[in-house]
Amino acid sequence: MTEDRIGVEVAYAREKEQAILAVEVGKGLTVRDAIERSEILKRFPEIDLMINKVGVFGKVVKLDQVLMPGDRVEIYRPLIADPKEARKKRAAEGKAMRKGDGGKGDA
């Protein structure tokens, strides 16, 4: 790497497949630049940067975030379930199970 270039990684994961690609970009380049140069969009055509959120080391950032040497750009998949709704459903199922034990839990 030359002094005006930095190394970063671009990461994306499906349920059963993941990719972490090393990319060399110029100083001052952005998350979007790294994603485009990695060509990860060709490998995973379902990625839509208008929909998928992106982050650097687990912190959501905008596509115009300038990268630092060693940064790991992460592309996040859309959620398949609303976490709050999933929690409510589990809580309701737990209540139903406790009510359905016929009082045997208090013996």
PDB file of N, CA and C in Angstrom:
ATOM      1  N   MET A   1       0.838  -1.180   0.000  1.00  0.00           N
ATOM      2  CA  MET A   1       0.000   0.000   0.000  1.00  0.00           C
ATOM      3  C   MET A   1       0.886   1.247   0.000  1.00  0.00           C
ATOM      4  N   THR A   2       0.477   2.215  -0.756  1.00  0.00           N
ATOM      5  CA  THR A   2       1.210   3.467  -0.755  1.00  0.00           C
ATOM      6  C   THR A   2       0.666   4.362   0.347  1.00  0.00           C
ATOM      7  N   GLU A   3       1.360   5.467   0.597  1.00  0.00           N
ATOM      8  CA  GLU A   3       0.952   6.354   1.684  1.00  0.00           C
ATOM      9  C   GLU A   3      -0.415   6.993   1.466  1.00  0.00           C
ATOM     10  N   ASP A   4      -0.848   7.124   0.203  1.00  0.00           N
ATOM     11  CA  ASP A   4      -2.139   7.750  -0.065  1.00  0.00           C
ATOM     12  C   ASP A   4      -3.266   6.732  -0.192  1.00  0.00           C
ATOM     13  N   ARG A   5      -2.997   5.487   0.151  1.00  0.00           N
ATOM     14  CA  ARG A   5      -3.998   4.420   0.102  1.00  0.00           C
ATOM     15  C   ARG A   5      -4.136   3.806   1.484  1.00  0.00           C
ATOM     16  N   ILE A   6      -5.334   3.322   1.790  1.00  0.00           N
ATOM     17  CA  ILE A   6      -5.575   2.642   3.070  1.00  0.00           C
ATOM     18  C   ILE A   6      -6.285   1.322   2.803  1.00  0.00           C
ATOM     19  N   GLY A   7      -6.113   0.374   3.699  1.00  0.00           N
ATOM     20  CA  GLY A   7      -6.787  -0.915   3.598  1.00  0.00           C
ATOM     21  C   GLY A   7      -7.995  -0.957   4.509  1.00  0.00           C
ATOM     22  N   VAL A   8      -9.116  -1.427   3.964  1.00  0.00           N
ATOM     23  CA  VAL A   8     -10.344  -1.617   4.735  1.00  0.00           C
ATOM     24  C   VAL A   8     -10.953  -2.958   4.328  1.00  0.00           C
ATOM     25  N   GLU A   9     -11.959  -3.377   5.060  1.00  0.00           N
ATOM     26  CA  GLU A   9     -12.698  -4.593   4.720  1.00  0.00           C
ATOM     27  C   GLU A   9     -14.159  -4.243   4.490  1.00  0.00           C
ATOM     28  N   VAL A  10     -14.803  -5.010   3.622  1.00  0.00           N
ATOM     29  CA  VAL A  10     -16.240  -4.887   3.387  1.00  0.00           C
ATOM     30  C   VAL A  10     -16.846  -6.246   3.705  1.00  0.00           C
ATOM     31  N   ALA A  11     -17.841  -6.266   4.593  1.00  0.00           N
ATOM     32  CA  ALA A  11     -18.429  -7.522   5.060  1.00  0.00           C
ATOM     33  C   ALA A  11     -19.934  -7.550   4.821  1.00  0.00           C
ATOM     34  N   TYR A  12     -20.409  -8.745   4.449  1.00  0.00           N
ATOM     35  CA  TYR A  12     -21.851  -8.982   4.294  1.00  0.00           C
ATOM     36  C   TYR A  12     -22.102 -10.444   4.597  1.00  0.00           C
ATOM     37  N   ALA A  13     -23.230 -10.737   5.224  1.00  0.00           N
ATOM     38  CA  ALA A  13     -23.538 -12.122   5.565  1.00  0.00           C
ATOM     39  C   ALA A  13     -24.984 -12.447   5.244  1.00  0.00           C
ATOM     40  N   ARG A  14     -25.154 -13.587   4.589  1.00  0.00           N
ATOM     41  CA  ARG A  14     -26.481 -14.189   4.445  1.00  0.00           C
ATOM     42  C   ARG A  14     -26.610 -15.183   5.595  1.00  0.00           C
ATOM     43  N   GLU A  15     -27.746 -15.853   5.659  1.00  0.00           N
ATOM     44  CA  GLU A  15     -27.939 -16.825   6.737  1.00  0.00           C
ATOM     45  C   GLU A  15     -26.876 -17.921   6.714  1.00  0.00           C
ATOM     46  N   LYS A  16     -26.493 -18.402   5.519  1.00  0.00           N
ATOM     47  CA  LYS A  16     -25.553 -19.520   5.432  1.00  0.00           C
ATOM     48  C   LYS A  16     -24.284 -19.190   4.641  1.00  0.00           C
ATOM     49  N   GLU A  17     -24.049 -17.924   4.389  1.00  0.00           N
ATOM     50  CA  GLU A  17     -22.871 -17.534   3.622  1.00  0.00           C
ATOM     51  C   GLU A  17     -22.446 -16.137   4.040  1.00  0.00           C
ATOM     52  N   GLN A  18     -21.131 -15.940   4.120  1.00  0.00           N
ATOM     53  CA  GLN A  18     -20.644 -14.606   4.442  1.00  0.00           C
ATOM     54  C   GLN A  18     -19.429 -14.293   3.589  1.00  0.00           C
ATOM     55  N   ALA A  19     -19.165 -13.014   3.434  1.00  0.00           N
ATOM     56  CA  ALA A  19     -17.994 -12.569   2.692  1.00  0.00           C
ATOM     57  C   ALA A  19     -17.374 -11.392   3.421  1.00  0.00           C
ATOM     58  N   ILE A  20     -16.062 -11.440   3.556  1.00  0.00           N
ATOM     59  CA  ILE A  20     -15.290 -10.319   4.084  1.00  0.00           C
ATOM     60  C   ILE A  20     -14.193 -10.067   3.059  1.00  0.00           C
ATOM     61  N   LEU A  21     -14.305  -8.945   2.374  1.00  0.00           N
ATOM     62  CA  LEU A  21     -13.408  -8.638   1.270  1.00  0.00           C
ATOM     63  C   LEU A  21     -12.463  -7.505   1.640  1.00  0.00           C
ATOM     64  N   ALA A  22     -11.171  -7.721   1.422  1.00  0.00           N
ATOM     65  CA  ALA A  22     -10.175  -6.671   1.659  1.00  0.00           C
ATOM     66  C   ALA A  22     -10.157  -5.743   0.449  1.00  0.00           C
ATOM     67  N   VAL A  23     -10.126  -4.451   0.731  1.00  0.00           N
ATOM     68  CA  VAL A  23     -10.149  -3.449  -0.326  1.00  0.00           C
ATOM     69  C   VAL A  23      -9.118  -2.373   0.009  1.00  0.00           C
ATOM     70  N   GLU A  24      -8.452  -1.892  -1.008  1.00  0.00           N
ATOM     71  CA  GLU A  24      -7.538  -0.770  -0.837  1.00  0.00           C
ATOM     72  C   GLU A  24      -8.202   0.445  -1.465  1.00  0.00           C
ATOM     73  N   VAL A  25      -8.353   1.494  -0.678  1.00  0.00           N
ATOM     74  CA  VAL A  25      -9.008   2.715  -1.173  1.00  0.00           C
ATOM     75  C   VAL A  25      -8.109   3.908  -0.891  1.00  0.00           C
ATOM     76  N   GLY A  26      -8.377   4.997  -1.555  1.00  0.00           N
ATOM     77  CA  GLY A  26      -7.623   6.219  -1.309  1.00  0.00           C
ATOM     78  C   GLY A  26      -8.058   6.875  -0.018  1.00  0.00           C
ATOM     79  N   LYS A  27      -7.145   7.598   0.600  1.00  0.00           N
ATOM     80  CA  LYS A  27      -7.503   8.350   1.806  1.00  0.00           C
ATOM     81  C   LYS A  27      -8.641   9.298   1.463  1.00  0.00           C
ATOM     82  N   GLY A  28      -9.579   9.443   2.381  1.00  0.00           N
ATOM     83  CA  GLY A  28     -10.700  10.349   2.175  1.00  0.00           C
ATOM     84  C   GLY A  28     -11.879   9.714   1.455  1.00  0.00           C
ATOM     85  N   LEU A  29     -11.749   8.434   1.072  1.00  0.00           N
ATOM     86  CA  LEU A  29     -12.870   7.787   0.392  1.00  0.00           C
ATOM     87  C   LEU A  29     -13.894   7.308   1.411  1.00  0.00           C
ATOM     88  N   THR A  30     -15.085   7.049   0.920  1.00  0.00           N
ATOM     89  CA  THR A  30     -16.235   6.806   1.786  1.00  0.00           C
ATOM     90  C   THR A  30     -16.645   5.335   1.835  1.00  0.00           C
ATOM     91  N   VAL A  31     -17.609   5.082   2.697  1.00  0.00           N
ATOM     92  CA  VAL A  31     -18.200   3.747   2.804  1.00  0.00           C
ATOM     93  C   VAL A  31     -18.720   3.306   1.440  1.00  0.00           C
ATOM     94  N   ARG A  32     -19.453   4.182   0.755  1.00  0.00           N
ATOM     95  CA  ARG A  32     -19.982   3.842  -0.569  1.00  0.00           C
ATOM     96  C   ARG A  32     -18.842   3.478  -1.537  1.00  0.00           C
ATOM     97  N   ASP A  33     -17.757   4.244  -1.521  1.00  0.00           N
ATOM     98  CA  ASP A  33     -16.617   3.973  -2.399  1.00  0.00           C
ATOM     99  C   ASP A  33     -16.054   2.571  -2.142  1.00  0.00           C
ATOM    100  N   ALA A  34     -15.891   2.223  -0.866  1.00  0.00           N
ATOM    101  CA  ALA A  34     -15.345   0.913  -0.516  1.00  0.00           C
ATOM    102  C   ALA A  34     -16.273  -0.207  -0.973  1.00  0.00           C
ATOM    103  N   ILE A  35     -17.573  -0.029  -0.779  1.00  0.00           N
ATOM    104  CA  ILE A  35     -18.541  -1.047  -1.195  1.00  0.00           C
ATOM    105  C   ILE A  35     -18.475  -1.239  -2.703  1.00  0.00           C
ATOM    106  N   GLU A  36     -18.462  -0.136  -3.438  1.00  0.00           N
ATOM    107  CA  GLU A  36     -18.417  -0.233  -4.902  1.00  0.00           C
ATOM    108  C   GLU A  36     -17.115  -0.873  -5.381  1.00  0.00           C
ATOM    109  N   ARG A  37     -15.996  -0.501  -4.788  1.00  0.00           N
ATOM    110  CA  ARG A  37     -14.705  -1.063  -5.215  1.00  0.00           C
ATOM    111  C   ARG A  37     -14.546  -2.528  -4.842  1.00  0.00           C
ATOM    112  N   SER A  38     -15.225  -2.959  -3.802  1.00  0.00           N
ATOM    113  CA  SER A  38     -15.133  -4.363  -3.388  1.00  0.00           C
ATOM    114  C   SER A  38     -15.843  -5.298  -4.362  1.00  0.00           C
ATOM    115  N   GLU A  39     -16.763  -4.751  -5.153  1.00  0.00           N
ATOM    116  CA  GLU A  39     -17.608  -5.507  -6.089  1.00  0.00           C
ATOM    117  C   GLU A  39     -18.524  -6.506  -5.381  1.00  0.00           C
ATOM    118  N   ILE A  40     -18.775  -6.273  -4.096  1.00  0.00           N
ATOM    119  CA  ILE A  40     -19.661  -7.148  -3.335  1.00  0.00           C
ATOM    120  C   ILE A  40     -21.090  -7.090  -3.859  1.00  0.00           C
ATOM    121  N   LEU A  41     -21.456  -5.969  -4.495  1.00  0.00           N
ATOM    122  CA  LEU A  41     -22.804  -5.833  -5.046  1.00  0.00           C
ATOM    123  C   LEU A  41     -23.030  -6.801  -6.205  1.00  0.00           C
ATOM    124  N   LYS A  42     -21.970  -7.181  -6.903  1.00  0.00           N
ATOM    125  CA  LYS A  42     -22.091  -8.180  -7.977  1.00  0.00           C
ATOM    126  C   LYS A  42     -22.267  -9.574  -7.382  1.00  0.00           C
ATOM    127  N   ARG A  43     -21.570  -9.838  -6.297  1.00  0.00           N
ATOM    128  CA  ARG A  43     -21.628 -11.161  -5.656  1.00  0.00           C
ATOM    129  C   ARG A  43     -22.956 -11.391  -4.935  1.00  0.00           C
ATOM    130  N   PHE A  44     -23.521 -10.321  -4.372  1.00  0.00           N
ATOM    131  CA  PHE A  44     -24.779 -10.408  -3.627  1.00  0.00           C
ATOM    132  C   PHE A  44     -25.756  -9.393  -4.211  1.00  0.00           C
ATOM    133  N   PRO A  45     -26.420  -9.740  -5.305  1.00  0.00           N
ATOM    134  CA  PRO A  45     -27.280  -8.776  -5.993  1.00  0.00           C
ATOM    135  C   PRO A  45     -28.496  -8.323  -5.177  1.00  0.00           C
ATOM    136  N   GLU A  46     -28.817  -9.000  -4.096  1.00  0.00           N
ATOM    137  CA  GLU A  46     -29.961  -8.587  -3.270  1.00  0.00           C
ATOM    138  C   GLU A  46     -29.649  -7.326  -2.448  1.00  0.00           C
ATOM    139  N   ILE A  47     -28.389  -6.959  -2.355  1.00  0.00           N
ATOM    140  CA  ILE A  47     -28.031  -5.751  -1.611  1.00  0.00           C
ATOM    141  C   ILE A  47     -28.529  -4.531  -2.373  1.00  0.00           C
ATOM    142  N   ASP A  48     -29.274  -3.684  -1.662  1.00  0.00           N
ATOM    143  CA  ASP A  48     -29.762  -2.431  -2.223  1.00  0.00           C
ATOM    144  C   ASP A  48     -29.374  -1.336  -1.237  1.00  0.00           C
ATOM    145  N   LEU A  49     -28.420  -0.510  -1.608  1.00  0.00           N
ATOM    146  CA  LEU A  49     -27.921   0.500  -0.681  1.00  0.00           C
ATOM    147  C   LEU A  49     -28.952   1.562  -0.328  1.00  0.00           C
ATOM    148  N   MET A  50     -30.079   1.569  -1.021  1.00  0.00           N
ATOM    149  CA  MET A  50     -31.172   2.461  -0.646  1.00  0.00           C
ATOM    150  C   MET A  50     -31.998   1.843   0.494  1.00  0.00           C
ATOM    151  N   ILE A  51     -31.867   0.522   0.689  1.00  0.00           N
ATOM    152  CA  ILE A  51     -32.635  -0.199   1.708  1.00  0.00           C
ATOM    153  C   ILE A  51     -31.734  -0.704   2.837  1.00  0.00           C
ATOM    154  N   ASN A  52     -30.658  -1.414   2.473  1.00  0.00           N
ATOM    155  CA  ASN A  52     -29.774  -1.998   3.472  1.00  0.00           C
ATOM    156  C   ASN A  52     -29.026  -0.900   4.234  1.00  0.00           C
ATOM    157  N   LYS A  53     -29.008  -1.017   5.545  1.00  0.00           N
ATOM    158  CA  LYS A  53     -28.208  -0.106   6.360  1.00  0.00           C
ATOM    159  C   LYS A  53     -26.760  -0.571   6.306  1.00  0.00           C
ATOM    160  N   VAL A  54     -25.855   0.348   6.582  1.00  0.00           N
ATOM    161  CA  VAL A  54     -24.429   0.032   6.598  1.00  0.00           C
ATOM    162  C   VAL A  54     -23.836   0.546   7.903  1.00  0.00           C
ATOM    163  N   GLY A  55     -22.707  -0.038   8.275  1.00  0.00           N
ATOM    164  CA  GLY A  55     -22.048   0.392   9.493  1.00  0.00           C
ATOM    165  C   GLY A  55     -20.557   0.189   9.407  1.00  0.00           C
ATOM    166  N   VAL A  56     -19.869   0.713  10.397  1.00  0.00           N
ATOM    167  CA  VAL A  56     -18.434   0.498  10.556  1.00  0.00           C
ATOM    168  C   VAL A  56     -18.246  -0.051  11.961  1.00  0.00           C
ATOM    169  N   PHE A  57     -17.740  -1.280  12.044  1.00  0.00           N
ATOM    170  CA  PHE A  57     -17.535  -1.964  13.328  1.00  0.00           C
ATOM    171  C   PHE A  57     -18.785  -1.936  14.207  1.00  0.00           C
ATOM    172  N   GLY A  58     -19.947  -2.258  13.614  1.00  0.00           N
ATOM    173  CA  GLY A  58     -21.180  -2.400  14.390  1.00  0.00           C
ATOM    174  C   GLY A  58     -21.939  -1.118  14.660  1.00  0.00           C
ATOM    175  N   LYS A  59     -21.429   0.015  14.214  1.00  0.00           N
ATOM    176  CA  LYS A  59     -22.118   1.292  14.428  1.00  0.00           C
ATOM    177  C   LYS A  59     -22.669   1.758  13.086  1.00  0.00           C
ATOM    178  N   VAL A  60     -23.991   1.967  13.023  1.00  0.00           N
ATOM    179  CA  VAL A  60     -24.629   2.391  11.778  1.00  0.00           C
ATOM    180  C   VAL A  60     -24.089   3.767  11.379  1.00  0.00           C
ATOM    181  N   VAL A  61     -23.717   3.877  10.096  1.00  0.00           N
ATOM    182  CA  VAL A  61     -23.194   5.131   9.548  1.00  0.00           C
ATOM    183  C   VAL A  61     -23.871   5.413   8.214  1.00  0.00           C
ATOM    184  N   LYS A  62     -23.646   6.596   7.694  1.00  0.00           N
ATOM    185  CA  LYS A  62     -24.159   6.957   6.372  1.00  0.00           C
ATOM    186  C   LYS A  62     -23.148   6.548   5.310  1.00  0.00           C
ATOM    187  N   LEU A  63     -23.616   6.426   4.087  1.00  0.00           N
ATOM    188  CA  LEU A  63     -22.758   6.007   2.982  1.00  0.00           C
ATOM    189  C   LEU A  63     -21.630   6.990   2.707  1.00  0.00           C
ATOM    190  N   ASP A  64     -21.779   8.240   3.135  1.00  0.00           N
ATOM    191  CA  ASP A  64     -20.732   9.225   2.875  1.00  0.00           C
ATOM    192  C   ASP A  64     -19.721   9.344   4.022  1.00  0.00           C
ATOM    193  N   GLN A  65     -19.787   8.427   4.982  1.00  0.00           N
ATOM    194  CA  GLN A  65     -18.814   8.387   6.087  1.00  0.00           C
ATOM    195  C   GLN A  65     -17.420   8.131   5.518  1.00  0.00           C
ATOM    196  N   VAL A  66     -16.456   8.967   5.867  1.00  0.00           N
ATOM    197  CA  VAL A  66     -15.073   8.798   5.409  1.00  0.00           C
ATOM    198  C   VAL A  66     -14.429   7.681   6.222  1.00  0.00           C
ATOM    199  N   LEU A  67     -13.676   6.832   5.535  1.00  0.00           N
ATOM    200  CA  LEU A  67     -13.069   5.666   6.177  1.00  0.00           C
ATOM    201  C   LEU A  67     -11.671   5.951   6.714  1.00  0.00           C
ATOM    202  N   MET A  68     -11.325   5.201   7.745  1.00  0.00           N
ATOM    203  CA  MET A  68     -10.001   5.259   8.356  1.00  0.00           C
ATOM    204  C   MET A  68      -9.293   3.933   8.079  1.00  0.00           C
ATOM    205  N   PRO A  69      -7.960   3.896   8.139  1.00  0.00           N
ATOM    206  CA  PRO A  69      -7.242   2.639   7.908  1.00  0.00           C
ATOM    207  C   PRO A  69      -7.738   1.536   8.837  1.00  0.00           C
ATOM    208  N   GLY A  70      -7.970   0.366   8.273  1.00  0.00           N
ATOM    209  CA  GLY A  70      -8.385  -0.792   9.063  1.00  0.00           C
ATOM    210  C   GLY A  70      -9.870  -0.890   9.348  1.00  0.00           C
ATOM    211  N   ASP A  71     -10.663   0.076   8.907  1.00  0.00           N
ATOM    212  CA  ASP A  71     -12.116   0.015   9.148  1.00  0.00           C
ATOM    213  C   ASP A  71     -12.729  -1.218   8.489  1.00  0.00           C
ATOM    214  N   ARG A  72     -13.784  -1.744   9.112  1.00  0.00           N
ATOM    215  CA  ARG A  72     -14.569  -2.828   8.519  1.00  0.00           C
ATOM    216  C   ARG A  72     -15.961  -2.289   8.232  1.00  0.00           C
ATOM    217  N   VAL A  73     -16.272  -2.186   6.953  1.00  0.00           N
ATOM    218  CA  VAL A  73     -17.591  -1.738   6.512  1.00  0.00           C
ATOM    219  C   VAL A  73     -18.511  -2.950   6.542  1.00  0.00           C
ATOM    220  N   GLU A  74     -19.664  -2.809   7.168  1.00  0.00           N
ATOM    221  CA  GLU A  74     -20.620  -3.909   7.272  1.00  0.00           C
ATOM    222  C   GLU A  74     -21.917  -3.507   6.583  1.00  0.00           C
ATOM    223  N   ILE A  75     -22.446  -4.412   5.792  1.00  0.00           N
ATOM    224  CA  ILE A  75     -23.729  -4.196   5.126  1.00  0.00           C
ATOM    225  C   ILE A  75     -24.729  -5.085   5.840  1.00  0.00           C
ATOM    226  N   TYR A  76     -25.781  -4.487   6.367  1.00  0.00           N
ATOM    227  CA  TYR A  76     -26.753  -5.223   7.172  1.00  0.00           C
ATOM    228  C   TYR A  76     -27.959  -5.631   6.349  1.00  0.00           C
ATOM    229  N   ARG A  77     -28.442  -6.846   6.603  1.00  0.00           N
ATOM    230  CA  ARG A  77     -29.670  -7.318   5.954  1.00  0.00           C
ATOM    231  C   ARG A  77     -30.867  -6.691   6.636  1.00  0.00           C
ATOM    232  N   PRO A  78     -31.959  -6.498   5.886  1.00  0.00           N
ATOM    233  CA  PRO A  78     -33.181  -6.007   6.532  1.00  0.00           C
ATOM    234  C   PRO A  78     -33.679  -7.033   7.551  1.00  0.00           C
ATOM    235  N   LEU A  79     -34.300  -6.557   8.621  1.00  0.00           N
ATOM    236  CA  LEU A  79     -34.866  -7.462   9.625  1.00  0.00           C
ATOM    237  C   LEU A  79     -36.040  -8.217   9.022  1.00  0.00           C
ATOM    238  N   ILE A  80     -36.157  -9.498   9.374  1.00  0.00           N
ATOM    239  CA  ILE A  80     -37.291 -10.274   8.874  1.00  0.00           C
ATOM    240  C   ILE A  80     -38.467 -10.230   9.846  1.00  0.00           C
ATOM    241  N   ALA A  81     -38.202  -9.780  11.073  1.00  0.00           N
ATOM    242  CA  ALA A  81     -39.275  -9.650  12.068  1.00  0.00           C
ATOM    243  C   ALA A  81     -38.995  -8.417  12.920  1.00  0.00           C
ATOM    244  N   ASP A  82     -40.036  -7.765  13.354  1.00  0.00           N
ATOM    245  CA  ASP A  82     -39.893  -6.623  14.242  1.00  0.00           C
ATOM    246  C   ASP A  82     -39.507  -7.157  15.623  1.00  0.00           C
ATOM    247  N   PRO A  83     -38.353  -6.765  16.163  1.00  0.00           N
ATOM    248  CA  PRO A  83     -37.914  -7.301  17.457  1.00  0.00           C
ATOM    249  C   PRO A  83     -38.924  -7.079  18.580  1.00  0.00           C
ATOM    250  N   LYS A  84     -39.602  -5.937  18.589  1.00  0.00           N
ATOM    251  CA  LYS A  84     -40.592  -5.677  19.642  1.00  0.00           C
ATOM    252  C   LYS A  84     -41.768  -6.640  19.524  1.00  0.00           C
ATOM    253  N   GLU A  85     -42.233  -6.869  18.311  1.00  0.00           N
ATOM    254  CA  GLU A  85     -43.353  -7.795  18.104  1.00  0.00           C
ATOM    255  C   GLU A  85     -42.940  -9.222  18.461  1.00  0.00           C
ATOM    256  N   ALA A  86     -41.732  -9.616  18.118  1.00  0.00           N
ATOM    257  CA  ALA A  86     -41.257 -10.964  18.446  1.00  0.00           C
ATOM    258  C   ALA A  86     -41.199 -11.155  19.962  1.00  0.00           C
ATOM    259  N   ARG A  87     -40.744 -10.116  20.686  1.00  0.00           N
ATOM    260  CA  ARG A  87     -40.679 -10.186  22.146  1.00  0.00           C
ATOM    261  C   ARG A  87     -42.075 -10.307  22.747  1.00  0.00           C
ATOM    262  N   LYS A  88     -43.029  -9.524  22.221  1.00  0.00           N
ATOM    263  CA  LYS A  88     -44.413  -9.595  22.706  1.00  0.00           C
ATOM    264  C   LYS A  88     -44.991 -10.990  22.487  1.00  0.00           C
ATOM    265  N   LYS A  89     -44.700 -11.559  21.322  1.00  0.00           N
ATOM    266  CA  LYS A  89     -45.220 -12.892  21.003  1.00  0.00           C
ATOM    267  C   LYS A  89     -44.651 -13.932  21.970  1.00  0.00           C
ATOM    268  N   ARG A  90     -43.347 -13.865  22.235  1.00  0.00           N
ATOM    269  CA  ARG A  90     -42.737 -14.822  23.177  1.00  0.00           C
ATOM    270  C   ARG A  90     -43.324 -14.663  24.572  1.00  0.00           C
ATOM    271  N   ALA A  91     -43.554 -13.417  25.003  1.00  0.00           N
ATOM    272  CA  ALA A  91     -44.126 -13.172  26.326  1.00  0.00           C
ATOM    273  C   ALA A  91     -45.539 -13.731  26.412  1.00  0.00           C
ATOM    274  N   ALA A  92     -46.328 -13.534  25.367  1.00  0.00           N
ATOM    275  CA  ALA A  92     -47.700 -14.056  25.351  1.00  0.00           C
ATOM    276  C   ALA A  92     -47.692 -15.575  25.383  1.00  0.00           C
ATOM    277  N   GLU A  93     -46.777 -16.187  24.649  1.00  0.00           N
ATOM    278  CA  GLU A  93     -46.687 -17.652  24.650  1.00  0.00           C
ATOM    279  C   GLU A  93     -46.291 -18.164  26.029  1.00  0.00           C
ATOM    280  N   GLY A  94     -45.383 -17.441  26.700  1.00  0.00           N
ATOM    281  CA  GLY A  94     -44.975 -17.829  28.050  1.00  0.00           C
ATOM    282  C   GLY A  94     -46.129 -17.752  29.032  1.00  0.00           C
ATOM    283  N   LYS A  95     -46.954 -16.708  28.954  1.00  0.00           N
ATOM    284  CA  LYS A  95     -48.127 -16.569  29.817  1.00  0.00           C
ATOM    285  C   LYS A  95     -49.106 -17.697  29.569  1.00  0.00           C
ATOM    286  N   ALA A  96     -49.330 -18.027  28.306  1.00  0.00           N
ATOM    287  CA  ALA A  96     -50.271 -19.103  27.963  1.00  0.00           C
ATOM    288  C   ALA A  96     -49.784 -20.428  28.527  1.00  0.00           C
ATOM    289  N   MET A  97     -48.479 -20.659  28.487  1.00  0.00           N
ATOM    290  CA  MET A  97     -47.936 -21.920  29.020  1.00  0.00           C
ATOM    291  C   MET A  97     -48.122 -21.975  30.535  1.00  0.00           C
ATOM    292  N   ARG A  98     -47.893 -20.857  31.230  1.00  0.00           N
ATOM    293  CA  ARG A  98     -48.040 -20.848  32.691  1.00  0.00           C
ATOM    294  C   ARG A  98     -49.492 -21.062  33.090  1.00  0.00           C
ATOM    295  N   LYS A  99     -50.421 -20.471  32.352  1.00  0.00           N
ATOM    296  CA  LYS A  99     -51.849 -20.643  32.660  1.00  0.00           C
ATOM    297  C   LYS A  99     -52.277 -22.064  32.380  1.00  0.00           C
ATOM    298  N   GLY A 100     -51.665 -22.698  31.416  1.00  0.00           N
ATOM    299  CA  GLY A 100     -52.069 -24.031  31.000  1.00  0.00           C
ATOM    300  C   GLY A 100     -51.449 -25.146  31.824  1.00  0.00           C
ATOM    301  N   ASP A 101     -50.684 -24.837  32.880  1.00  0.00           N
ATOM    302  CA  ASP A 101     -50.038 -25.923  33.637  1.00  0.00           C
ATOM    303  C   ASP A 101     -50.962 -26.525  34.703  1.00  0.00           C
ATOM    304  N   GLY A 102     -52.185 -26.016  34.801  1.00  0.00           N
ATOM    305  CA  GLY A 102     -53.178 -26.606  35.713  1.00  0.00           C
ATOM    306  C   GLY A 102     -52.823 -26.425  37.165  1.00  0.00           C
ATOM    307  N   GLY A 103     -51.984 -25.452  37.477  1.00  0.00           N
ATOM    308  CA  GLY A 103     -51.631 -25.209  38.878  1.00  0.00           C
ATOM    309  C   GLY A 103     -50.556 -26.146  39.372  1.00  0.00           C
ATOM    310  N   LYS A 104     -50.037 -27.023  38.520  1.00  0.00           N
ATOM    311  CA  LYS A 104     -49.033 -27.985  38.938  1.00  0.00           C
ATOM    312  C   LYS A 104     -47.720 -27.311  39.322  1.00  0.00           C
ATOM    313  N   GLY A 105     -47.505 -26.111  38.809  1.00  0.00           N
ATOM    314  CA  GLY A 105     -46.263 -25.404  39.126  1.00  0.00           C
ATOM    315  C   GLY A 105     -46.204 -24.936  40.559  1.00  0.00           C
ATOM    316  N   ASP A 106     -47.347 -24.890  41.278  1.00  0.00           N
ATOM    317  CA  ASP A 106     -47.374 -24.395  42.646  1.00  0.00           C
ATOM    318  C   ASP A 106     -47.384 -25.528  43.674  1.00  0.00           C
ATOM    319  N   ALA A 107     -47.222 -26.762  43.268  1.00  0.00           N
ATOM    320  CA  ALA A 107     -47.369 -27.884  44.184  1.00  0.00           C
ATOM    321  C   ALA A 107     -46.336 -27.967  45.216  1.00  0.00           C
TER     322      ALA A 107
END
